Amino acid sequence: MAIVVRFTPNGMTAAKYDEIINRLRAVGAGSPAGRTFHVCFGDPNNLKVSDIWDSHETFAKFGETLMPILGELGVDPGSPEIVEVHNTIIGERTSANAG
């Protein structure tokens, strides 16, 4: 079952986030198998991240690559909020937001 994973690390800056992404790409994990959506958002001095994964297992496998990188950069991701996906709608547009 698909899951949403929400991270609210304390003090993750845009510079740290960009370095994390660069390091993930360098080890071939920039677009990991099983992750269907990724978004980073918020204050550039305190960013948050949300992902949609196809399963707990693929998320855990990615964590084996991600966690050492976060540790090297001094980023504590905290405990992510993980919830099962009830429904996903992709690309639907209404007249209220079309255009």
PDB file of N, CA and C in Angstrom:
ATOM      1  N   MET A   1       0.840  -1.177   0.000  1.00  0.00           N
ATOM      2  CA  MET A   1       0.000   0.000   0.000  1.00  0.00           C
ATOM      3  C   MET A   1       0.888   1.246   0.000  1.00  0.00           C
ATOM      4  N   ALA A   2       0.490   2.250  -0.747  1.00  0.00           N
ATOM      5  CA  ALA A   2       1.233   3.510  -0.832  1.00  0.00           C
ATOM      6  C   ALA A   2       1.160   4.263   0.487  1.00  0.00           C
ATOM      7  N   ILE A   3       2.231   5.016   0.757  1.00  0.00           N
ATOM      8  CA  ILE A   3       2.305   5.802   1.988  1.00  0.00           C
ATOM      9  C   ILE A   3       2.769   7.220   1.683  1.00  0.00           C
ATOM     10  N   VAL A   4       2.371   8.142   2.550  1.00  0.00           N
ATOM     11  CA  VAL A   4       2.881   9.507   2.542  1.00  0.00           C
ATOM     12  C   VAL A   4       3.855   9.609   3.701  1.00  0.00           C
ATOM     13  N   VAL A   5       5.037  10.168   3.425  1.00  0.00           N
ATOM     14  CA  VAL A   5       6.048  10.352   4.456  1.00  0.00           C
ATOM     15  C   VAL A   5       6.342  11.843   4.546  1.00  0.00           C
ATOM     16  N   ARG A   6       6.138  12.414   5.744  1.00  0.00           N
ATOM     17  CA  ARG A   6       6.350  13.853   5.947  1.00  0.00           C
ATOM     18  C   ARG A   6       7.461  14.062   6.962  1.00  0.00           C
ATOM     19  N   PHE A   7       8.495  14.771   6.528  1.00  0.00           N
ATOM     20  CA  PHE A   7       9.618  15.100   7.394  1.00  0.00           C
ATOM     21  C   PHE A   7       9.545  16.575   7.779  1.00  0.00           C
ATOM     22  N   THR A   8       9.767  16.857   9.039  1.00  0.00           N
ATOM     23  CA  THR A   8       9.862  18.244   9.509  1.00  0.00           C
ATOM     24  C   THR A   8      11.167  18.403  10.293  1.00  0.00           C
ATOM     25  N   PRO A   9      12.306  18.279   9.583  1.00  0.00           N
ATOM     26  CA  PRO A   9      13.592  18.420  10.280  1.00  0.00           C
ATOM     27  C   PRO A   9      13.760  19.831  10.818  1.00  0.00           C
ATOM     28  N   ASN A  10      14.463  19.938  11.917  1.00  0.00           N
ATOM     29  CA  ASN A  10      14.690  21.239  12.524  1.00  0.00           C
ATOM     30  C   ASN A  10      15.877  21.923  11.849  1.00  0.00           C
ATOM     31  N   GLY A  11      15.629  23.073  11.231  1.00  0.00           N
ATOM     32  CA  GLY A  11      16.706  23.877  10.676  1.00  0.00           C
ATOM     33  C   GLY A  11      17.313  23.384   9.379  1.00  0.00           C
ATOM     34  N   MET A  12      16.570  22.638   8.574  1.00  0.00           N
ATOM     35  CA  MET A  12      17.113  22.231   7.275  1.00  0.00           C
ATOM     36  C   MET A  12      17.018  23.417   6.315  1.00  0.00           C
ATOM     37  N   THR A  13      18.157  23.962   5.985  1.00  0.00           N
ATOM     38  CA  THR A  13      18.220  25.121   5.097  1.00  0.00           C
ATOM     39  C   THR A  13      18.168  24.690   3.635  1.00  0.00           C
ATOM     40  N   ALA A  14      17.924  25.652   2.764  1.00  0.00           N
ATOM     41  CA  ALA A  14      17.928  25.384   1.329  1.00  0.00           C
ATOM     42  C   ALA A  14      19.299  24.871   0.887  1.00  0.00           C
ATOM     43  N   ALA A  15      20.367  25.417   1.448  1.00  0.00           N
ATOM     44  CA  ALA A  15      21.720  24.975   1.088  1.00  0.00           C
ATOM     45  C   ALA A  15      21.939  23.510   1.474  1.00  0.00           C
ATOM     46  N   LYS A  16      21.496  23.129   2.667  1.00  0.00           N
ATOM     47  CA  LYS A  16      21.646  21.725   3.092  1.00  0.00           C
ATOM     48  C   LYS A  16      20.793  20.812   2.221  1.00  0.00           C
ATOM     49  N   TYR A  17      19.556  21.226   1.950  1.00  0.00           N
ATOM     50  CA  TYR A  17      18.680  20.420   1.094  1.00  0.00           C
ATOM     51  C   TYR A  17      19.322  20.212  -0.274  1.00  0.00           C
ATOM     52  N   ASP A  18      19.825  21.286  -0.878  1.00  0.00           N
ATOM     53  CA  ASP A  18      20.447  21.175  -2.204  1.00  0.00           C
ATOM     54  C   ASP A  18      21.643  20.233  -2.172  1.00  0.00           C
ATOM     55  N   GLU A  19      22.417  20.267  -1.095  1.00  0.00           N
ATOM     56  CA  GLU A  19      23.564  19.362  -0.972  1.00  0.00           C
ATOM     57  C   GLU A  19      23.107  17.914  -0.823  1.00  0.00           C
ATOM     58  N   ILE A  20      22.038  17.688  -0.075  1.00  0.00           N
ATOM     59  CA  ILE A  20      21.483  16.336   0.055  1.00  0.00           C
ATOM     60  C   ILE A  20      21.084  15.809  -1.317  1.00  0.00           C
ATOM     61  N   ILE A  21      20.367  16.612  -2.088  1.00  0.00           N
ATOM     62  CA  ILE A  21      19.932  16.196  -3.421  1.00  0.00           C
ATOM     63  C   ILE A  21      21.136  15.916  -4.312  1.00  0.00           C
ATOM     64  N   ASN A  22      22.143  16.767  -4.262  1.00  0.00           N
ATOM     65  CA  ASN A  22      23.353  16.537  -5.064  1.00  0.00           C
ATOM     66  C   ASN A  22      24.026  15.227  -4.697  1.00  0.00           C
ATOM     67  N   ARG A  23      24.126  14.935  -3.410  1.00  0.00           N
ATOM     68  CA  ARG A  23      24.768  13.689  -2.976  1.00  0.00           C
ATOM     69  C   ARG A  23      23.935  12.468  -3.347  1.00  0.00           C
ATOM     70  N   LEU A  24      22.614  12.588  -3.242  1.00  0.00           N
ATOM     71  CA  LEU A  24      21.754  11.473  -3.662  1.00  0.00           C
ATOM     72  C   LEU A  24      21.926  11.199  -5.151  1.00  0.00           C
ATOM     73  N   ARG A  25      21.952  12.242  -5.954  1.00  0.00           N
ATOM     74  CA  ARG A  25      22.158  12.066  -7.396  1.00  0.00           C
ATOM     75  C   ARG A  25      23.513  11.431  -7.682  1.00  0.00           C
ATOM     76  N   ALA A  26      24.541  11.839  -6.935  1.00  0.00           N
ATOM     77  CA  ALA A  26      25.894  11.326  -7.157  1.00  0.00           C
ATOM     78  C   ALA A  26      25.987   9.824  -6.908  1.00  0.00           C
ATOM     79  N   VAL A  27      25.135   9.296  -6.021  1.00  0.00           N
ATOM     80  CA  VAL A  27      25.152   7.853  -5.753  1.00  0.00           C
ATOM     81  C   VAL A  27      24.019   7.124  -6.474  1.00  0.00           C
ATOM     82  N   GLY A  28      23.380   7.803  -7.431  1.00  0.00           N
ATOM     83  CA  GLY A  28      22.342   7.171  -8.242  1.00  0.00           C
ATOM     84  C   GLY A  28      20.997   7.045  -7.561  1.00  0.00           C
ATOM     85  N   ALA A  29      20.753   7.860  -6.529  1.00  0.00           N
ATOM     86  CA  ALA A  29      19.496   7.775  -5.788  1.00  0.00           C
ATOM     87  C   ALA A  29      18.690   9.069  -5.863  1.00  0.00           C
ATOM     88  N   GLY A  30      18.886   9.833  -6.921  1.00  0.00           N
ATOM     89  CA  GLY A  30      18.139  11.072  -7.068  1.00  0.00           C
ATOM     90  C   GLY A  30      16.661  10.858  -7.322  1.00  0.00           C
ATOM     91  N   SER A  31      16.342   9.785  -8.017  1.00  0.00           N
ATOM     92  CA  SER A  31      14.947   9.393  -8.284  1.00  0.00           C
ATOM     93  C   SER A  31      14.802   7.921  -7.926  1.00  0.00           C
ATOM     94  N   PRO A  32      14.724   7.609  -6.641  1.00  0.00           N
ATOM     95  CA  PRO A  32      14.756   6.215  -6.216  1.00  0.00           C
ATOM     96  C   PRO A  32      13.516   5.425  -6.629  1.00  0.00           C
ATOM     97  N   ALA A  33      13.726   4.153  -6.868  1.00  0.00           N
ATOM     98  CA  ALA A  33      12.616   3.252  -7.179  1.00  0.00           C
ATOM     99  C   ALA A  33      11.620   3.272  -6.031  1.00  0.00           C
ATOM    100  N   GLY A  34      10.352   3.361  -6.378  1.00  0.00           N
ATOM    101  CA  GLY A  34       9.297   3.317  -5.371  1.00  0.00           C
ATOM    102  C   GLY A  34       8.802   4.668  -4.905  1.00  0.00           C
ATOM    103  N   ARG A  35       9.581   5.724  -5.131  1.00  0.00           N
ATOM    104  CA  ARG A  35       9.105   7.059  -4.755  1.00  0.00           C
ATOM    105  C   ARG A  35       8.378   7.644  -5.949  1.00  0.00           C
ATOM    106  N   THR A  36       7.093   7.953  -5.772  1.00  0.00           N
ATOM    107  CA  THR A  36       6.287   8.448  -6.881  1.00  0.00           C
ATOM    108  C   THR A  36       6.153   9.966  -6.897  1.00  0.00           C
ATOM    109  N   PHE A  37       6.461  10.607  -5.755  1.00  0.00           N
ATOM    110  CA  PHE A  37       6.317  12.062  -5.696  1.00  0.00           C
ATOM    111  C   PHE A  37       7.196  12.589  -4.571  1.00  0.00           C
ATOM    112  N   HIS A  38       7.820  13.731  -4.803  1.00  0.00           N
ATOM    113  CA  HIS A  38       8.657  14.385  -3.789  1.00  0.00           C
ATOM    114  C   HIS A  38       8.418  15.880  -3.871  1.00  0.00           C
ATOM    115  N   VAL A  39       8.294  16.511  -2.714  1.00  0.00           N
ATOM    116  CA  VAL A  39       8.170  17.965  -2.668  1.00  0.00           C
ATOM    117  C   VAL A  39       8.904  18.470  -1.433  1.00  0.00           C
ATOM    118  N   CYS A  40       9.632  19.563  -1.623  1.00  0.00           N
ATOM    119  CA  CYS A  40      10.308  20.260  -0.534  1.00  0.00           C
ATOM    120  C   CYS A  40       9.694  21.656  -0.489  1.00  0.00           C
ATOM    121  N   PHE A  41       9.356  22.131   0.713  1.00  0.00           N
ATOM    122  CA  PHE A  41       8.606  23.384   0.794  1.00  0.00           C
ATOM    123  C   PHE A  41       8.864  24.085   2.114  1.00  0.00           C
ATOM    124  N   GLY A  42       8.484  25.362   2.154  1.00  0.00           N
ATOM    125  CA  GLY A  42       8.520  26.125   3.387  1.00  0.00           C
ATOM    126  C   GLY A  42       9.580  27.205   3.399  1.00  0.00           C
ATOM    127  N   ASP A  43       9.843  27.697   4.585  1.00  0.00           N
ATOM    128  CA  ASP A  43      10.838  28.732   4.821  1.00  0.00           C
ATOM    129  C   ASP A  43      12.210  28.204   4.399  1.00  0.00           C
ATOM    130  N   PRO A  44      12.971  28.938   3.598  1.00  0.00           N
ATOM    131  CA  PRO A  44      14.274  28.451   3.131  1.00  0.00           C
ATOM    132  C   PRO A  44      15.278  28.171   4.256  1.00  0.00           C
ATOM    133  N   ASN A  45      14.991  28.631   5.453  1.00  0.00           N
ATOM    134  CA  ASN A  45      15.850  28.337   6.597  1.00  0.00           C
ATOM    135  C   ASN A  45      15.310  27.205   7.469  1.00  0.00           C
ATOM    136  N   ASN A  46      14.144  26.672   7.090  1.00  0.00           N
ATOM    137  CA  ASN A  46      13.527  25.592   7.871  1.00  0.00           C
ATOM    138  C   ASN A  46      12.579  24.801   6.973  1.00  0.00           C
ATOM    139  N   LEU A  47      13.154  24.118   5.974  1.00  0.00           N
ATOM    140  CA  LEU A  47      12.362  23.414   4.973  1.00  0.00           C
ATOM    141  C   LEU A  47      11.748  22.126   5.513  1.00  0.00           C
ATOM    142  N   LYS A  48      10.679  21.700   4.861  1.00  0.00           N
ATOM    143  CA  LYS A  48      10.001  20.438   5.142  1.00  0.00           C
ATOM    144  C   LYS A  48       9.982  19.618   3.851  1.00  0.00           C
ATOM    145  N   VAL A  49       9.771  18.312   3.986  1.00  0.00           N
ATOM    146  CA  VAL A  49       9.756  17.420   2.828  1.00  0.00           C
ATOM    147  C   VAL A  49       8.590  16.450   2.960  1.00  0.00           C
ATOM    148  N   SER A  50       7.896  16.222   1.857  1.00  0.00           N
ATOM    149  CA  SER A  50       6.866  15.185   1.790  1.00  0.00           C
ATOM    150  C   SER A  50       7.118  14.321   0.565  1.00  0.00           C
ATOM    151  N   ASP A  51       6.964  13.022   0.747  1.00  0.00           N
ATOM    152  CA  ASP A  51       7.121  12.053  -0.339  1.00  0.00           C
ATOM    153  C   ASP A  51       5.918  11.130  -0.362  1.00  0.00           C
ATOM    154  N   ILE A  52       5.660  10.562  -1.532  1.00  0.00           N
ATOM    155  CA  ILE A  52       4.733   9.447  -1.643  1.00  0.00           C
ATOM    156  C   ILE A  52       5.544   8.259  -2.130  1.00  0.00           C
ATOM    157  N   TRP A  53       5.449   7.166  -1.393  1.00  0.00           N
ATOM    158  CA  TRP A  53       6.166   5.926  -1.696  1.00  0.00           C
ATOM    159  C   TRP A  53       5.165   4.820  -1.971  1.00  0.00           C
ATOM    160  N   ASP A  54       5.578   3.873  -2.816  1.00  0.00           N
ATOM    161  CA  ASP A  54       4.657   2.781  -3.134  1.00  0.00           C
ATOM    162  C   ASP A  54       4.516   1.779  -1.991  1.00  0.00           C
ATOM    163  N   SER A  55       5.481   1.775  -1.035  1.00  0.00           N
ATOM    164  CA  SER A  55       5.388   0.852   0.100  1.00  0.00           C
ATOM    165  C   SER A  55       6.355   1.277   1.211  1.00  0.00           C
ATOM    166  N   HIS A  56       6.127   0.728   2.390  1.00  0.00           N
ATOM    167  CA  HIS A  56       7.048   0.933   3.503  1.00  0.00           C
ATOM    168  C   HIS A  56       8.431   0.375   3.156  1.00  0.00           C
ATOM    169  N   GLU A  57       8.445  -0.751   2.454  1.00  0.00           N
ATOM    170  CA  GLU A  57       9.707  -1.419   2.137  1.00  0.00           C
ATOM    171  C   GLU A  57      10.609  -0.579   1.239  1.00  0.00           C
ATOM    172  N   THR A  58      10.043   0.045   0.206  1.00  0.00           N
ATOM    173  CA  THR A  58      10.887   0.861  -0.676  1.00  0.00           C
ATOM    174  C   THR A  58      11.366   2.124   0.033  1.00  0.00           C
ATOM    175  N   PHE A  59      10.537   2.666   0.913  1.00  0.00           N
ATOM    176  CA  PHE A  59      10.971   3.811   1.699  1.00  0.00           C
ATOM    177  C   PHE A  59      12.121   3.415   2.622  1.00  0.00           C
ATOM    178  N   ALA A  60      11.999   2.279   3.285  1.00  0.00           N
ATOM    179  CA  ALA A  60      13.059   1.811   4.185  1.00  0.00           C
ATOM    180  C   ALA A  60      14.357   1.561   3.422  1.00  0.00           C
ATOM    181  N   LYS A  61      14.264   0.998   2.234  1.00  0.00           N
ATOM    182  CA  LYS A  61      15.460   0.747   1.416  1.00  0.00           C
ATOM    183  C   LYS A  61      16.156   2.063   1.074  1.00  0.00           C
ATOM    184  N   PHE A  62      15.404   3.084   0.693  1.00  0.00           N
ATOM    185  CA  PHE A  62      15.963   4.396   0.393  1.00  0.00           C
ATOM    186  C   PHE A  62      16.631   4.994   1.634  1.00  0.00           C
ATOM    187  N   GLY A  63      16.045   4.765   2.793  1.00  0.00           N
ATOM    188  CA  GLY A  63      16.609   5.274   4.040  1.00  0.00           C
ATOM    189  C   GLY A  63      18.026   4.789   4.282  1.00  0.00           C
ATOM    190  N   GLU A  64      18.365   3.605   3.779  1.00  0.00           N
ATOM    191  CA  GLU A  64      19.719   3.071   3.923  1.00  0.00           C
ATOM    192  C   GLU A  64      20.739   3.963   3.211  1.00  0.00           C
ATOM    193  N   THR A  65      20.323   4.634   2.163  1.00  0.00           N
ATOM    194  CA  THR A  65      21.186   5.571   1.431  1.00  0.00           C
ATOM    195  C   THR A  65      21.085   6.978   2.007  1.00  0.00           C
ATOM    196  N   LEU A  66      19.878   7.401   2.321  1.00  0.00           N
ATOM    197  CA  LEU A  66      19.636   8.765   2.779  1.00  0.00           C
ATOM    198  C   LEU A  66      20.230   9.063   4.149  1.00  0.00           C
ATOM    199  N   MET A  67      20.030   8.187   5.110  1.00  0.00           N
ATOM    200  CA  MET A  67      20.406   8.485   6.486  1.00  0.00           C
ATOM    201  C   MET A  67      21.896   8.784   6.670  1.00  0.00           C
ATOM    202  N   PRO A  68      22.810   8.042   6.052  1.00  0.00           N
ATOM    203  CA  PRO A  68      24.226   8.412   6.194  1.00  0.00           C
ATOM    204  C   PRO A  68      24.538   9.799   5.627  1.00  0.00           C
ATOM    205  N   ILE A  69      23.875  10.168   4.539  1.00  0.00           N
ATOM    206  CA  ILE A  69      24.085  11.494   3.953  1.00  0.00           C
ATOM    207  C   ILE A  69      23.596  12.575   4.912  1.00  0.00           C
ATOM    208  N   LEU A  70      22.422  12.371   5.489  1.00  0.00           N
ATOM    209  CA  LEU A  70      21.914  13.338   6.457  1.00  0.00           C
ATOM    210  C   LEU A  70      22.864  13.464   7.641  1.00  0.00           C
ATOM    211  N   GLY A  71      23.377  12.337   8.118  1.00  0.00           N
ATOM    212  CA  GLY A  71      24.309  12.354   9.233  1.00  0.00           C
ATOM    213  C   GLY A  71      25.576  13.128   8.926  1.00  0.00           C
ATOM    214  N   GLU A  72      26.116  12.941   7.722  1.00  0.00           N
ATOM    215  CA  GLU A  72      27.326  13.654   7.314  1.00  0.00           C
ATOM    216  C   GLU A  72      27.105  15.162   7.292  1.00  0.00           C
ATOM    217  N   LEU A  73      25.891  15.577   6.971  1.00  0.00           N
ATOM    218  CA  LEU A  73      25.584  16.999   6.862  1.00  0.00           C
ATOM    219  C   LEU A  73      24.995  17.585   8.146  1.00  0.00           C
ATOM    220  N   GLY A  74      24.871  16.755   9.168  1.00  0.00           N
ATOM    221  CA  GLY A  74      24.348  17.239  10.442  1.00  0.00           C
ATOM    222  C   GLY A  74      22.869  17.546  10.428  1.00  0.00           C
ATOM    223  N   VAL A  75      22.110  16.850   9.585  1.00  0.00           N
ATOM    224  CA  VAL A  75      20.663  17.059   9.508  1.00  0.00           C
ATOM    225  C   VAL A  75      19.971  15.938  10.273  1.00  0.00           C
ATOM    226  N   ASP A  76      19.216  16.299  11.286  1.00  0.00           N
ATOM    227  CA  ASP A  76      18.417  15.335  12.035  1.00  0.00           C
ATOM    228  C   ASP A  76      16.999  15.391  11.470  1.00  0.00           C
ATOM    229  N   PRO A  77      16.565  14.320  10.771  1.00  0.00           N
ATOM    230  CA  PRO A  77      15.246  14.371  10.155  1.00  0.00           C
ATOM    231  C   PRO A  77      14.103  14.246  11.152  1.00  0.00           C
ATOM    232  N   GLY A  78      14.418  13.903  12.392  1.00  0.00           N
ATOM    233  CA  GLY A  78      13.357  13.674  13.362  1.00  0.00           C
ATOM    234  C   GLY A  78      12.609  12.400  13.001  1.00  0.00           C
ATOM    235  N   SER A  79      11.465  12.223  13.583  1.00  0.00           N
ATOM    236  CA  SER A  79      10.629  11.061  13.276  1.00  0.00           C
ATOM    237  C   SER A  79       9.613  11.459  12.223  1.00  0.00           C
ATOM    238  N   PRO A  80       9.662  10.807  11.057  1.00  0.00           N
ATOM    239  CA  PRO A  80       8.702  11.189  10.019  1.00  0.00           C
ATOM    240  C   PRO A  80       7.287  10.754  10.381  1.00  0.00           C
ATOM    241  N   GLU A  81       6.346  11.522   9.893  1.00  0.00           N
ATOM    242  CA  GLU A  81       4.943  11.117   9.980  1.00  0.00           C
ATOM    243  C   GLU A  81       4.692  10.228   8.777  1.00  0.00           C
ATOM    244  N   ILE A  82       4.186   9.021   8.998  1.00  0.00           N
ATOM    245  CA  ILE A  82       3.921   8.081   7.916  1.00  0.00           C
ATOM    246  C   ILE A  82       2.455   7.679   7.986  1.00  0.00           C
ATOM    247  N   VAL A  83       1.727   7.909   6.893  1.00  0.00           N
ATOM    248  CA  VAL A  83       0.311   7.555   6.830  1.00  0.00           C
ATOM    249  C   VAL A  83       0.024   6.856   5.516  1.00  0.00           C
ATOM    250  N   GLU A  84      -0.919   5.934   5.543  1.00  0.00           N
ATOM    251  CA  GLU A  84      -1.306   5.223   4.326  1.00  0.00           C
ATOM    252  C   GLU A  84      -2.144   6.133   3.434  1.00  0.00           C
ATOM    253  N   VAL A  85      -1.952   5.978   2.145  1.00  0.00           N
ATOM    254  CA  VAL A  85      -2.687   6.757   1.158  1.00  0.00           C
ATOM    255  C   VAL A  85      -4.079   6.152   0.986  1.00  0.00           C
ATOM    256  N   HIS A  86      -5.083   6.995   1.038  1.00  0.00           N
ATOM    257  CA  HIS A  86      -6.461   6.561   0.799  1.00  0.00           C
ATOM    258  C   HIS A  86      -6.818   6.673  -0.676  1.00  0.00           C
ATOM    259  N   ASN A  87      -6.343   7.747  -1.333  1.00  0.00           N
ATOM    260  CA  ASN A  87      -6.689   7.983  -2.727  1.00  0.00           C
ATOM    261  C   ASN A  87      -5.659   8.922  -3.335  1.00  0.00           C
ATOM    262  N   THR A  88      -5.430   8.781  -4.616  1.00  0.00           N
ATOM    263  CA  THR A  88      -4.562   9.687  -5.353  1.00  0.00           C
ATOM    264  C   THR A  88      -5.271  10.101  -6.634  1.00  0.00           C
ATOM    265  N   ILE A  89      -5.253  11.382  -6.936  1.00  0.00           N
ATOM    266  CA  ILE A  89      -5.788  11.904  -8.192  1.00  0.00           C
ATOM    267  C   ILE A  89      -4.653  12.666  -8.856  1.00  0.00           C
ATOM    268  N   ILE A  90      -4.339  12.304 -10.070  1.00  0.00           N
ATOM    269  CA  ILE A  90      -3.214  12.912 -10.776  1.00  0.00           C
ATOM    270  C   ILE A  90      -3.740  13.713 -11.964  1.00  0.00           C
ATOM    271  N   GLY A  91      -3.345  14.983 -12.021  1.00  0.00           N
ATOM    272  CA  GLY A  91      -3.595  15.791 -13.196  1.00  0.00           C
ATOM    273  C   GLY A  91      -5.011  16.269 -13.412  1.00  0.00           C
ATOM    274  N   GLU A  92      -5.893  16.082 -12.459  1.00  0.00           N
ATOM    275  CA  GLU A  92      -7.265  16.549 -12.631  1.00  0.00           C
ATOM    276  C   GLU A  92      -7.298  18.061 -12.455  1.00  0.00           C
ATOM    277  N   ARG A  93      -7.949  18.741 -13.353  1.00  0.00           N
ATOM    278  CA  ARG A  93      -8.059  20.204 -13.272  1.00  0.00           C
ATOM    279  C   ARG A  93      -9.523  20.589 -13.327  1.00  0.00           C
ATOM    280  N   THR A  94      -9.837  21.625 -12.573  1.00  0.00           N
ATOM    281  CA  THR A  94     -11.193  22.164 -12.599  1.00  0.00           C
ATOM    282  C   THR A  94     -11.130  23.587 -13.132  1.00  0.00           C
ATOM    283  N   SER A  95     -12.283  24.152 -13.437  1.00  0.00           N
ATOM    284  CA  SER A  95     -12.293  25.512 -13.955  1.00  0.00           C
ATOM    285  C   SER A  95     -11.773  26.505 -12.917  1.00  0.00           C
ATOM    286  N   ALA A  96     -11.869  26.162 -11.628  1.00  0.00           N
ATOM    287  CA  ALA A  96     -11.394  27.073 -10.580  1.00  0.00           C
ATOM    288  C   ALA A  96      -9.886  27.240 -10.592  1.00  0.00           C
ATOM    289  N   ASN A  97      -9.150  26.179 -11.008  1.00  0.00           N
ATOM    290  CA  ASN A  97      -7.682  26.313 -10.998  1.00  0.00           C
ATOM    291  C   ASN A  97      -7.069  26.100 -12.388  1.00  0.00           C
ATOM    292  N   ALA A  98      -7.892  26.014 -13.389  1.00  0.00           N
ATOM    293  CA  ALA A  98      -7.362  25.850 -14.754  1.00  0.00           C
ATOM    294  C   ALA A  98      -6.829  27.184 -15.258  1.00  0.00           C
ATOM    295  N   GLY A  99      -5.846  27.054 -16.073  1.00  0.00           N
ATOM    296  CA  GLY A  99      -5.462  28.279 -16.717  1.00  0.00           C
ATOM    297  C   GLY A  99      -4.132  28.740 -16.498  1.00  0.00           C
TER     298      GLY A  99
END
